[in-house]
Amino acid sequence: MLEGKKFVKNDNEFICFNCHKKIEKLKYTSRDHCNFCLYSLHVDIKPGDRANECKGLLVPINVVDTSKKGKVIIYKCSKCGQEVKNIVADDDDKEQIYKIVKNYSVGNI
């Protein structure tokens, strides 16, 4: 079991494994998902550490509004099945967020 969550700042540009677009640094915190299609990779154990060996594609399955962190994307790993959460970034595609929530609410996920 992991003890505590210590954030590791790791803000690098990358090419999205899902939509293949170049993703720029977020600059105010670590970029952990594509701001176009919202997909991510299962690379962290603790936020930003890039220590997870799974490396599966994280599929966004829902977006929820939490009172503590604001909007959060819920992911399901296509490789190991684990569900993880990432905070919605300021520049995330709002239309894509809407589509994910709509698909979840009608049971298409």
Protein backbone atom coordinates (compact mmCIF):
# COMPACT_ATOMS: atom_id res chain seq x y z
CA MET A 1 0.00 0.00 0.00
CA LEU A 2 1.29 3.45 -0.87
CA GLU A 3 1.73 5.86 1.97
CA GLY A 4 0.51 9.41 1.32
CA LYS A 5 0.40 11.17 -2.00
CA LYS A 6 3.35 13.42 -2.60
CA PHE A 7 3.01 15.39 -5.82
CA VAL A 8 5.99 15.36 -8.18
CA LYS A 9 5.97 18.20 -10.73
CA ASN A 10 6.47 16.64 -14.13
CA ASP A 11 5.24 18.99 -16.86
CA ASN A 12 6.52 17.89 -20.25
CA GLU A 13 5.13 18.17 -23.76
CA PHE A 14 4.23 14.87 -25.44
CA ILE A 15 2.43 13.26 -28.37
CA CYS A 16 -0.96 11.82 -27.41
CA PHE A 17 -1.11 8.04 -27.84
CA ASN A 18 -4.81 8.27 -28.74
CA CYS A 19 -5.26 11.25 -31.11
CA HIS A 20 -1.56 11.76 -31.95
CA LYS A 21 -1.63 15.53 -31.42
CA LYS A 22 1.32 17.38 -29.89
CA ILE A 23 0.43 18.38 -26.35
CA GLU A 24 2.15 21.45 -24.90
CA LYS A 25 3.26 21.92 -21.29
CA LEU A 26 0.50 23.07 -18.96
CA LYS A 27 2.87 25.50 -17.18
CA TYR A 28 0.91 25.92 -13.92
CA THR A 29 1.08 22.24 -12.85
CA SER A 30 1.91 18.87 -14.41
CA ARG A 31 0.20 17.97 -17.68
CA ASP A 32 -1.18 14.45 -17.20
CA HIS A 33 -3.58 14.02 -20.12
CA CYS A 34 -4.34 15.21 -23.64
CA ASN A 35 -6.28 18.47 -23.63
CA PHE A 36 -7.93 17.57 -26.98
CA CYS A 37 -9.28 14.01 -26.56
CA LEU A 38 -8.69 13.85 -22.74
CA TYR A 39 -7.03 10.41 -22.90
CA SER A 40 -4.03 9.72 -20.69
CA LEU A 41 -1.51 6.98 -19.94
CA HIS A 42 -1.37 4.88 -16.78
CA VAL A 43 2.13 6.03 -15.85
CA ASP A 44 1.88 7.35 -12.27
CA ILE A 45 1.65 5.61 -8.93
CA LYS A 46 1.86 8.89 -7.03
CA PRO A 47 0.93 12.01 -9.02
CA GLY A 48 3.80 12.96 -11.35
CA ASP A 49 6.20 10.14 -10.41
CA ARG A 50 5.93 8.25 -13.76
CA ALA A 51 6.71 5.02 -11.83
CA ASN A 52 3.77 2.82 -12.88
CA GLU A 53 4.83 -0.15 -15.01
CA CYS A 54 1.33 -0.63 -16.52
CA LYS A 55 1.61 2.14 -19.18
CA GLY A 56 -1.92 1.29 -20.42
CA LEU A 57 -4.16 3.80 -22.19
CA LEU A 58 -6.45 5.59 -19.74
CA VAL A 59 -9.88 6.00 -21.30
CA PRO A 60 -11.97 8.90 -19.94
CA ILE A 61 -15.30 7.45 -18.77
CA ASN A 62 -16.82 10.33 -16.79
CA VAL A 63 -16.21 13.83 -15.49
CA VAL A 64 -17.45 14.74 -12.02
CA ASP A 65 -17.51 17.98 -10.08
CA THR A 66 -16.00 17.60 -6.63
CA SER A 67 -16.25 20.25 -3.96
CA LYS A 68 -12.56 19.93 -3.12
CA LYS A 69 -10.70 19.76 -6.46
CA GLY A 70 -13.25 21.06 -8.96
CA LYS A 71 -13.91 18.96 -12.04
CA VAL A 72 -12.14 15.58 -12.18
CA ILE A 73 -11.86 13.14 -15.09
CA ILE A 74 -12.51 9.51 -14.16
CA TYR A 75 -10.45 7.07 -16.24
CA LYS A 76 -10.47 3.32 -16.71
CA CYS A 77 -7.20 1.72 -17.79
CA SER A 78 -7.62 -0.30 -20.99
CA LYS A 79 -4.81 -2.64 -19.88
CA CYS A 80 -5.28 -3.37 -16.16
CA GLY A 81 -8.83 -2.07 -15.58
CA GLN A 82 -7.91 0.21 -12.66
CA GLU A 83 -9.89 3.44 -12.32
CA VAL A 84 -7.91 6.64 -11.68
CA LYS A 85 -8.72 10.36 -11.50
CA ASN A 86 -7.09 13.47 -12.95
CA ILE A 87 -8.05 17.09 -12.41
CA VAL A 88 -9.53 18.85 -15.46
CA ALA A 89 -7.04 21.37 -16.87
CA ASP A 90 -7.99 24.95 -17.77
CA ASP A 91 -7.40 24.31 -21.49
CA ASP A 92 -9.22 20.96 -21.76
CA ASP A 93 -11.69 20.76 -24.64
CA LYS A 94 -15.06 21.67 -23.08
CA GLU A 95 -17.00 19.95 -25.88
CA GLN A 96 -15.09 16.71 -25.23
CA ILE A 97 -15.89 16.96 -21.50
CA TYR A 98 -19.56 17.37 -22.38
CA LYS A 99 -19.47 14.31 -24.69
CA ILE A 100 -17.88 12.14 -21.99
CA VAL A 101 -20.47 13.17 -19.38
CA LYS A 102 -23.32 12.66 -21.87
CA ASN A 103 -22.07 9.18 -22.88
CA TYR A 104 -21.71 8.20 -19.23
CA SER A 105 -25.19 9.42 -18.33
CA VAL A 106 -26.84 7.41 -21.14
CA GLY A 107 -24.80 4.29 -20.36
CA ASN A 108 -22.58 4.22 -23.45
CA ILE A 109 -19.41 3.72 -21.42
